[in-house]
């Protein structure tokens, strides 16, 4: 699984992401890509936009990073069907770049929230969540001041109708409540995929929950799901199946 992790000025979860994929998942072909590069490289399977405070969150979170030179190639890659995951600030960049609908604004309490919480898995049919069970509750951390997901009512209705909401903030038994919502996101939305299912944005940090020594290994399911997806793609291509490699 050839993975490239984009580093913006202000990224601070890039090393967490490479630790999760390279050290925990055991995928050696995992490297950083600098935001000023014109290309993510060849034969890439997965692009990760990591968490942090790209460009100091000036103007609006993710608003400047969206114009980094490498983002042209990330957008091309995603529009061609390539797999992209944006975590926290990466989710904000994906929304600003138009790869995902909606926007992330200040938390409703106007406070930075940094803690472990629980999410309910809403859709296990995606390439990002196939290793989870339906309705499985996972423990992962958040760390953000602008994680309040908003979108027009028509957009929210479409996300819900298309089963594009992948994770919601929940309590430990899996109930979706206002008390479990750390930032005011509509419908407790914590993560969504695009219509074609190849781009995921989520505010919680699965890469920080890939090792029990970190407090939880529940986030590893996201990366194991991706590995299974790519193993299946490569296996089918090698066996002459009809699946076409997503690499570009």
Foldseek 3Di string as FASTA:
>chain_A
DQEEEEDAVFFDCSVLQCCLVCVQVPDPNYYYDYLQDQESDFQHQEYEHGDGQHVVCPPHQLQVSLPRNHNVHVVVLVVLPHAYEYEASGLQNCCNNVVDDWHWAFFPVQDWDWDKFKKFFDDCPALQRVLDDHRDIFIFIFTGGGGATDHPPVSVVVQVVLVFQGIFQDHPVRHHDPVSQGGNHVSRGAKGADNVRRYIYGRTDLSQACDVVSVHNRSSSRVVSNVVVQVVQVVCVVVVHPRDRSID
